[in-house]
Amino acid sequence: MDLAGAQAVVDKLFELQKAGNYEEAAALFSEDGVAELPMMLGSHNGRAAIIETWKSSDVAGKIASSAPNLSKLSAMDDGTFKRSMETSWMGIPYTFNQYFTFNGGLITKMSTAAFS
């Protein structure tokens, strides 16, 4: 999928979330490749509206089960979300953390940190 196609999908997810249609958004989110778009495009244009659906626990469960790469996304006490991944580089294991702050479905801040 090229960037224009990815942007079109994220725009559709944004509109579904804005309309409160979380069921359809979760269904679209579970399609192949779509689960990675908010992370991919988040640093590109700040739009990752689908994460708003995590406010609804039943939809959050559907998204977590259909999007393994987001299943470790968790809400922090300060209102941010954190995604952690265990990985290694040249045989050295480390934890890769990404932090996201959302406002109305838009990423307003994203940062990355790695710890060994």
Protein backbone atom coordinates (compact mmCIF):
# COMPACT_ATOMS: atom_id res chain seq x y z
CA MET A 1 0.00 0.00 0.00
CA ASP A 2 1.41 3.38 -0.96
CA LEU A 3 1.28 6.49 1.22
CA ALA A 4 -1.80 7.89 -0.54
CA GLY A 5 -3.68 4.62 -0.02
CA ALA A 6 -2.56 4.48 3.60
CA GLN A 7 -3.71 8.06 4.15
CA ALA A 8 -7.12 7.24 2.62
CA VAL A 9 -7.57 4.34 5.05
CA VAL A 10 -6.56 6.45 8.05
CA ASP A 11 -8.93 9.20 6.91
CA LYS A 12 -11.76 6.64 6.72
CA LEU A 13 -10.89 5.39 10.22
CA PHE A 14 -10.89 8.98 11.45
CA GLU A 15 -14.36 9.61 9.99
CA LEU A 16 -15.76 6.37 11.45
CA GLN A 17 -14.35 7.21 14.89
CA LYS A 18 -15.63 10.79 14.68
CA ALA A 19 -19.12 9.46 13.85
CA GLY A 20 -18.91 7.04 16.79
CA ASN A 21 -19.05 4.01 14.51
CA TYR A 22 -16.51 1.98 16.48
CA GLU A 23 -17.76 -1.41 15.29
CA GLU A 24 -17.10 -0.61 11.62
CA ALA A 25 -13.82 1.07 12.54
CA ALA A 26 -12.70 -2.05 14.42
CA ALA A 27 -13.69 -4.23 11.44
CA LEU A 28 -11.71 -2.03 9.04
CA PHE A 29 -8.82 -1.89 11.51
CA SER A 30 -8.59 -5.69 11.54
CA GLU A 31 -7.99 -5.95 7.77
CA ASP A 32 -4.51 -6.97 6.66
CA GLY A 33 -1.96 -4.20 6.98
CA VAL A 34 -4.37 -1.64 8.39
CA ALA A 35 -3.34 -2.26 12.00
CA GLU A 36 0.09 -0.82 11.31
CA LEU A 37 -1.10 2.34 9.57
CA PRO A 38 -1.66 4.54 12.62
CA MET A 39 1.85 3.80 13.84
CA MET A 40 3.29 4.27 10.35
CA LEU A 41 1.41 7.48 9.63
CA GLY A 42 1.41 8.82 13.16
CA SER A 43 4.88 10.28 12.84
CA HIS A 44 4.11 11.35 9.27
CA ASN A 45 0.98 13.42 9.77
CA GLY A 46 -0.24 13.03 13.33
CA ARG A 47 -3.48 11.20 12.45
CA ALA A 48 -4.09 8.00 14.38
CA ALA A 49 -7.75 8.49 15.19
CA ILE A 50 -8.51 4.84 15.66
CA ILE A 51 -6.77 4.77 19.03
CA GLU A 52 -9.76 6.69 20.38
CA THR A 53 -11.66 3.41 20.15
CA TRP A 54 -9.58 2.16 23.08
CA LYS A 55 -11.92 4.21 25.27
CA SER A 56 -14.54 1.54 24.59
CA SER A 57 -13.28 -1.66 26.22
CA ASP A 58 -15.24 -4.09 24.03
CA VAL A 59 -13.84 -2.51 20.87
CA ALA A 60 -10.40 -2.32 22.48
CA GLY A 61 -10.53 -6.08 22.98
CA LYS A 62 -11.44 -6.64 19.34
CA ILE A 63 -8.64 -4.40 18.18
CA ALA A 64 -6.12 -6.00 20.54
CA SER A 65 -7.03 -9.48 19.34
CA SER A 66 -6.98 -8.54 15.66
CA ALA A 67 -3.94 -6.29 15.79
CA PRO A 68 -1.16 -8.07 17.69
CA ASN A 69 1.27 -5.21 17.12
CA LEU A 70 -0.99 -2.94 19.17
CA SER A 71 -1.96 -5.45 21.83
CA LYS A 72 0.70 -4.06 24.15
CA LEU A 73 -0.62 -0.51 23.82
CA SER A 74 -1.56 0.60 27.30
CA ALA A 75 -2.89 3.77 28.90
CA MET A 76 -0.55 5.54 31.30
CA ASP A 77 -1.56 7.57 34.36
CA ASP A 78 -0.65 10.85 32.67
CA GLY A 79 -3.07 10.28 29.78
CA THR A 80 -0.51 9.04 27.29
CA PHE A 81 -0.41 5.63 25.68
CA LYS A 82 2.66 3.43 25.63
CA ARG A 83 3.57 0.60 23.27
CA SER A 84 6.44 -1.67 24.33
CA MET A 85 8.28 -4.19 22.22
CA GLU A 86 10.98 -6.60 23.27
CA THR A 87 13.64 -6.86 20.58
CA SER A 88 17.39 -7.10 20.12
CA TRP A 89 20.09 -5.44 18.10
CA MET A 90 23.28 -7.33 17.27
CA GLY A 91 22.34 -9.88 19.91
CA ILE A 92 21.79 -7.29 22.65
CA PRO A 93 18.22 -7.43 23.99
CA TYR A 94 16.40 -4.21 24.74
CA THR A 95 12.92 -2.80 25.24
CA PHE A 96 11.67 -0.33 22.65
CA ASN A 97 9.00 2.03 24.02
CA GLN A 98 6.84 4.44 22.05
CA TYR A 99 4.71 7.04 23.85
CA PHE A 100 1.70 8.72 22.27
CA THR A 101 -0.51 11.59 23.42
CA PHE A 102 -3.90 11.92 21.75
CA ASN A 103 -6.33 14.80 21.54
CA GLY A 104 -9.64 14.07 19.85
CA GLY A 105 -8.12 11.16 17.99
CA LEU A 106 -5.07 13.03 16.75
CA ILE A 107 -1.56 12.28 17.87
CA THR A 108 -0.30 15.47 19.45
CA LYS A 109 2.99 14.06 20.67
CA MET A 110 4.99 10.94 19.92
CA SER A 111 8.32 9.93 21.39
CA THR A 112 10.47 6.83 21.32
CA ALA A 113 12.89 5.46 23.88
CA ALA A 114 14.98 2.31 24.00
CA PHE A 115 16.31 0.69 27.17
CA SER A 116 18.71 -2.21 27.49
